[in-house]
Amino acid sequence: MDANEYQVLAMRTRRADQTPEQTLLNAVLGLNGEAGEVADILKKHLHHSQPLDTDKLCDELGDVLWYVAQASDALGICLADIMQMNLDKLQRRYPQGFSPEASLHRQE
């Protein structure tokens, strides 16, 4: 499955009665909530000495992906295009690859 196919299939499970603005708001708020759940899993592992629950982590990362796809859909942009824009930005910032030194002196 590619990114655009995922986006189309995932959006079959969103509310269809919302405006794009309402959908975007739901996506951004949902993304924040799910990112918090991802962080909580890692916090419990690192600070509470619990085993890292990779199944739960993957489940929550899937929820993060769903909300990113929803935000992209609300903006009328294919998820694959968002992915390519991100790669282009990173290539401009770190043409030789990431390093702490390059991060200190990046252009944008």
N, C-alpha and C. Protein backbone atom coordinates (compact mmCIF):
# COMPACT_ATOMS: atom_id res chain seq x y z
N MET A 1 0.85 -1.17 0.00
CA MET A 1 0.00 0.00 0.00
C MET A 1 0.90 1.23 0.00
N ASP A 2 0.54 2.22 -0.81
CA ASP A 2 1.30 3.47 -0.79
C ASP A 2 0.56 4.52 0.05
N ALA A 3 1.20 5.66 0.23
CA ALA A 3 0.66 6.70 1.12
C ALA A 3 -0.70 7.21 0.65
N ASN A 4 -0.85 7.43 -0.63
CA ASN A 4 -2.11 7.98 -1.11
C ASN A 4 -3.25 6.97 -0.98
N GLU A 5 -2.94 5.70 -1.21
CA GLU A 5 -3.96 4.67 -1.02
C GLU A 5 -4.37 4.60 0.45
N TYR A 6 -3.39 4.68 1.34
CA TYR A 6 -3.70 4.70 2.77
C TYR A 6 -4.62 5.87 3.10
N GLN A 7 -4.30 7.04 2.57
CA GLN A 7 -5.10 8.23 2.86
C GLN A 7 -6.54 8.03 2.41
N VAL A 8 -6.74 7.53 1.23
CA VAL A 8 -8.10 7.30 0.71
C VAL A 8 -8.84 6.30 1.59
N LEU A 9 -8.19 5.19 1.91
CA LEU A 9 -8.85 4.17 2.72
C LEU A 9 -9.11 4.66 4.14
N ALA A 10 -8.16 5.36 4.72
CA ALA A 10 -8.32 5.86 6.09
C ALA A 10 -9.44 6.89 6.18
N MET A 11 -9.59 7.70 5.16
CA MET A 11 -10.60 8.76 5.22
C MET A 11 -12.02 8.22 5.08
N ARG A 12 -12.15 6.94 4.78
CA ARG A 12 -13.49 6.33 4.80
C ARG A 12 -14.02 6.26 6.23
N THR A 13 -13.15 6.41 7.22
CA THR A 13 -13.57 6.30 8.62
C THR A 13 -13.65 7.66 9.32
N ARG A 14 -13.59 8.75 8.58
CA ARG A 14 -13.73 10.07 9.20
C ARG A 14 -15.17 10.54 9.09
N ARG A 15 -15.47 11.57 9.86
CA ARG A 15 -16.81 12.17 9.76
C ARG A 15 -16.94 12.88 8.42
N ALA A 16 -17.98 12.58 7.69
CA ALA A 16 -18.18 13.17 6.37
C ALA A 16 -19.00 14.45 6.43
N ASP A 17 -19.56 14.78 7.59
CA ASP A 17 -20.45 15.94 7.69
C ASP A 17 -19.73 17.20 8.17
N GLN A 18 -18.40 17.19 8.19
CA GLN A 18 -17.66 18.35 8.66
C GLN A 18 -17.10 19.15 7.49
N THR A 19 -16.95 20.46 7.72
CA THR A 19 -16.28 21.31 6.75
C THR A 19 -14.78 20.98 6.78
N PRO A 20 -14.05 21.37 5.74
CA PRO A 20 -12.60 21.16 5.79
C PRO A 20 -11.95 21.81 7.02
N GLU A 21 -12.43 22.97 7.42
CA GLU A 21 -11.88 23.63 8.60
C GLU A 21 -12.14 22.82 9.87
N GLN A 22 -13.34 22.29 10.00
CA GLN A 22 -13.66 21.45 11.16
C GLN A 22 -12.83 20.16 11.15
N THR A 23 -12.66 19.61 9.96
CA THR A 23 -11.86 18.40 9.83
C THR A 23 -10.41 18.67 10.20
N LEU A 24 -9.88 19.81 9.76
CA LEU A 24 -8.51 20.17 10.09
C LEU A 24 -8.35 20.36 11.60
N LEU A 25 -9.31 21.02 12.22
CA LEU A 25 -9.25 21.21 13.67
C LEU A 25 -9.25 19.86 14.39
N ASN A 26 -10.15 18.97 13.98
CA ASN A 26 -10.19 17.64 14.58
C ASN A 26 -8.87 16.91 14.39
N ALA A 27 -8.29 17.04 13.21
CA ALA A 27 -7.03 16.36 12.93
C ALA A 27 -5.90 16.90 13.81
N VAL A 28 -5.81 18.21 13.94
CA VAL A 28 -4.73 18.80 14.73
C VAL A 28 -4.88 18.46 16.20
N LEU A 29 -6.10 18.55 16.72
CA LEU A 29 -6.32 18.20 18.12
C LEU A 29 -6.10 16.71 18.36
N GLY A 30 -6.58 15.88 17.45
CA GLY A 30 -6.38 14.44 17.57
C GLY A 30 -4.91 14.07 17.48
N LEU A 31 -4.19 14.72 16.58
CA LEU A 31 -2.76 14.47 16.43
C LEU A 31 -2.02 14.77 17.72
N ASN A 32 -2.36 15.88 18.34
CA ASN A 32 -1.72 16.22 19.61
C ASN A 32 -2.02 15.19 20.69
N GLY A 33 -3.26 14.75 20.76
CA GLY A 33 -3.62 13.75 21.75
C GLY A 33 -2.89 12.44 21.54
N GLU A 34 -2.82 11.99 20.30
CA GLU A 34 -2.16 10.72 20.00
C GLU A 34 -0.65 10.83 20.18
N ALA A 35 -0.07 11.97 19.83
CA ALA A 35 1.37 12.16 20.06
C ALA A 35 1.67 12.10 21.56
N GLY A 36 0.76 12.62 22.36
CA GLY A 36 0.91 12.52 23.81
C GLY A 36 0.88 11.08 24.28
N GLU A 37 0.04 10.26 23.66
CA GLU A 37 -0.01 8.84 24.03
C GLU A 37 1.29 8.14 23.65
N VAL A 38 1.87 8.50 22.51
CA VAL A 38 3.16 7.95 22.11
C VAL A 38 4.22 8.33 23.14
N ALA A 39 4.23 9.60 23.52
CA ALA A 39 5.20 10.08 24.51
C ALA A 39 5.02 9.37 25.85
N ASP A 40 3.78 9.12 26.23
CA ASP A 40 3.52 8.48 27.52
C ASP A 40 4.07 7.05 27.56
N ILE A 41 3.96 6.35 26.44
CA ILE A 41 4.51 4.99 26.38
C ILE A 41 6.02 5.02 26.60
N LEU A 42 6.69 5.96 25.95
CA LEU A 42 8.14 6.06 26.10
C LEU A 42 8.51 6.53 27.51
N LYS A 43 7.73 7.46 28.06
CA LYS A 43 7.97 7.92 29.44
C LYS A 43 7.88 6.76 30.42
N LYS A 44 6.86 5.93 30.27
CA LYS A 44 6.69 4.79 31.17
C LYS A 44 7.86 3.82 31.05
N HIS A 45 8.38 3.70 29.84
CA HIS A 45 9.53 2.82 29.63
C HIS A 45 10.79 3.41 30.26
N LEU A 46 11.05 4.68 30.00
CA LEU A 46 12.31 5.28 30.44
C LEU A 46 12.32 5.69 31.90
N HIS A 47 11.19 6.15 32.41
CA HIS A 47 11.17 6.71 33.76
C HIS A 47 10.47 5.83 34.79
N HIS A 48 9.67 4.89 34.33
CA HIS A 48 8.96 4.00 35.26
C HIS A 48 9.48 2.57 35.17
N SER A 49 10.51 2.40 34.35
CA SER A 49 11.16 1.09 34.17
C SER A 49 10.22 0.00 33.67
N GLN A 50 9.18 0.38 32.94
CA GLN A 50 8.30 -0.62 32.34
C GLN A 50 8.91 -1.10 31.03
N PRO A 51 8.63 -2.33 30.64
CA PRO A 51 9.11 -2.80 29.33
C PRO A 51 8.49 -1.93 28.23
N LEU A 52 9.26 -1.73 27.18
CA LEU A 52 8.74 -0.97 26.05
C LEU A 52 7.70 -1.81 25.33
N ASP A 53 6.48 -1.32 25.31
CA ASP A 53 5.37 -2.04 24.67
C ASP A 53 5.32 -1.62 23.20
N THR A 54 6.08 -2.32 22.36
CA THR A 54 6.16 -1.93 20.96
C THR A 54 4.84 -2.13 20.22
N ASP A 55 4.05 -3.10 20.63
CA ASP A 55 2.74 -3.28 20.00
C ASP A 55 1.86 -2.06 20.24
N LYS A 56 1.82 -1.59 21.48
CA LYS A 56 1.02 -0.41 21.82
C LYS A 56 1.61 0.83 21.14
N LEU A 57 2.93 0.92 21.10
CA LEU A 57 3.58 2.06 20.45
C LEU A 57 3.21 2.10 18.97
N CYS A 58 3.25 0.96 18.30
CA CYS A 58 2.87 0.91 16.88
C CYS A 58 1.40 1.26 16.69
N ASP A 59 0.55 0.80 17.60
CA ASP A 59 -0.87 1.13 17.55
C ASP A 59 -1.07 2.64 17.62
N GLU A 60 -0.38 3.29 18.54
CA GLU A 60 -0.52 4.74 18.69
C GLU A 60 0.10 5.49 17.52
N LEU A 61 1.21 4.98 16.99
CA LEU A 61 1.80 5.61 15.80
C LEU A 61 0.84 5.51 14.61
N GLY A 62 0.10 4.43 14.53
CA GLY A 62 -0.93 4.32 13.49
C GLY A 62 -1.99 5.38 13.65
N ASP A 63 -2.37 5.67 14.90
CA ASP A 63 -3.35 6.74 15.15
C ASP A 63 -2.78 8.10 14.76
N VAL A 64 -1.50 8.32 15.05
CA VAL A 64 -0.84 9.56 14.63
C VAL A 64 -0.91 9.68 13.11
N LEU A 65 -0.59 8.60 12.42
CA LEU A 65 -0.61 8.60 10.96
C LEU A 65 -2.01 8.91 10.44
N TRP A 66 -3.03 8.34 11.08
CA TRP A 66 -4.40 8.58 10.64
C TRP A 66 -4.73 10.08 10.72
N TYR A 67 -4.34 10.72 11.80
CA TYR A 67 -4.63 12.15 11.94
C TYR A 67 -3.80 13.00 10.98
N VAL A 68 -2.58 12.60 10.68
CA VAL A 68 -1.79 13.31 9.66
C VAL A 68 -2.48 13.18 8.30
N ALA A 69 -2.97 12.00 7.99
CA ALA A 69 -3.69 11.80 6.73
C ALA A 69 -4.96 12.64 6.70
N GLN A 70 -5.64 12.74 7.83
CA GLN A 70 -6.85 13.55 7.89
C GLN A 70 -6.53 15.03 7.67
N ALA A 71 -5.47 15.52 8.30
CA ALA A 71 -5.08 16.92 8.11
C ALA A 71 -4.72 17.18 6.65
N SER A 72 -3.98 16.27 6.04
CA SER A 72 -3.62 16.41 4.63
C SER A 72 -4.87 16.44 3.76
N ASP A 73 -5.81 15.55 4.06
CA ASP A 73 -7.05 15.48 3.31
C ASP A 73 -7.85 16.78 3.45
N ALA A 74 -7.90 17.31 4.67
CA ALA A 74 -8.64 18.56 4.91
C ALA A 74 -8.03 19.72 4.12
N LEU A 75 -6.73 19.67 3.90
CA LEU A 75 -6.05 20.71 3.12
C LEU A 75 -6.12 20.45 1.62
N GLY A 76 -6.65 19.29 1.24
CA GLY A 76 -6.74 18.95 -0.17
C GLY A 76 -5.40 18.55 -0.77
N ILE A 77 -4.51 18.02 0.06
CA ILE A 77 -3.17 17.65 -0.38
C ILE A 77 -2.97 16.15 -0.15
N CYS A 78 -2.42 15.49 -1.15
CA CYS A 78 -2.13 14.06 -1.02
C CYS A 78 -1.04 13.84 0.02
N LEU A 79 -1.20 12.80 0.80
CA LEU A 79 -0.22 12.47 1.83
C LEU A 79 1.17 12.27 1.22
N ALA A 80 1.24 11.66 0.06
CA ALA A 80 2.54 11.46 -0.60
C ALA A 80 3.20 12.80 -0.92
N ASP A 81 2.41 13.81 -1.27
CA ASP A 81 2.97 15.13 -1.54
C ASP A 81 3.53 15.76 -0.27
N ILE A 82 2.83 15.60 0.85
CA ILE A 82 3.32 16.10 2.14
C ILE A 82 4.65 15.41 2.47
N MET A 83 4.71 14.12 2.25
CA MET A 83 5.93 13.37 2.51
C MET A 83 7.08 13.88 1.65
N GLN A 84 6.80 14.13 0.37
CA GLN A 84 7.85 14.63 -0.53
C GLN A 84 8.29 16.03 -0.13
N MET A 85 7.35 16.90 0.25
CA MET A 85 7.71 18.25 0.70
C MET A 85 8.63 18.18 1.91
N ASN A 86 8.35 17.25 2.81
CA ASN A 86 9.19 17.10 4.00
C ASN A 86 10.60 16.64 3.62
N LEU A 87 10.68 15.66 2.72
CA LEU A 87 12.00 15.20 2.28
C LEU A 87 12.78 16.30 1.57
N ASP A 88 12.09 17.09 0.75
CA ASP A 88 12.75 18.21 0.06
C ASP A 88 13.30 19.22 1.07
N LYS A 89 12.51 19.53 2.09
CA LYS A 89 12.95 20.47 3.13
C LYS A 89 14.17 19.93 3.85
N LEU A 90 14.14 18.66 4.23
CA LEU A 90 15.27 18.07 4.94
C LEU A 90 16.52 18.01 4.06
N GLN A 91 16.34 17.76 2.78
CA GLN A 91 17.48 17.74 1.86
C GLN A 91 18.11 19.13 1.74
N ARG A 92 17.27 20.18 1.71
CA ARG A 92 17.80 21.54 1.68
C ARG A 92 18.56 21.86 2.97
N ARG A 93 18.01 21.45 4.10
CA ARG A 93 18.64 21.74 5.39
C ARG A 93 19.94 20.96 5.59
N TYR A 94 19.92 19.71 5.20
CA TYR A 94 21.04 18.81 5.49
C TYR A 94 21.46 18.06 4.23
N PRO A 95 22.02 18.77 3.24
CA PRO A 95 22.36 18.11 1.98
C PRO A 95 23.40 16.99 2.14
N GLN A 96 24.21 17.06 3.17
CA GLN A 96 25.21 16.02 3.43
C GLN A 96 24.75 15.04 4.49
N GLY A 97 23.50 15.15 4.92
CA GLY A 97 22.98 14.33 6.00
C GLY A 97 23.02 15.09 7.31
N PHE A 98 22.23 14.64 8.27
CA PHE A 98 22.15 15.34 9.55
C PHE A 98 23.41 15.15 10.38
N SER A 99 23.79 16.22 11.05
CA SER A 99 24.80 16.17 12.10
C SER A 99 24.49 17.32 13.05
N PRO A 100 24.89 17.21 14.30
CA PRO A 100 24.67 18.34 15.23
C PRO A 100 25.29 19.63 14.70
N GLU A 101 26.46 19.54 14.11
CA GLU A 101 27.12 20.74 13.57
C GLU A 101 26.29 21.36 12.44
N ALA A 102 25.80 20.53 11.53
CA ALA A 102 24.96 21.05 10.44
C ALA A 102 23.68 21.66 10.99
N SER A 103 23.16 21.10 12.05
CA SER A 103 21.95 21.63 12.66
C SER A 103 22.17 23.03 13.21
N LEU A 104 23.34 23.28 13.78
CA LEU A 104 23.65 24.60 14.33
C LEU A 104 23.77 25.67 13.25
N HIS A 105 24.15 25.27 12.04
CA HIS A 105 24.42 26.23 10.97
C HIS A 105 23.48 26.08 9.77
N ARG A 106 22.31 25.52 9.99
CA ARG A 106 21.40 25.30 8.87
C ARG A 106 20.85 26.62 8.35
N GLN A 107 20.44 26.61 7.09
CA GLN A 107 19.97 27.82 6.41
C GLN A 107 18.60 28.28 6.88
N GLU A 108 17.68 27.36 7.09
CA GLU A 108 16.31 27.75 7.46
C GLU A 108 15.89 27.17 8.76
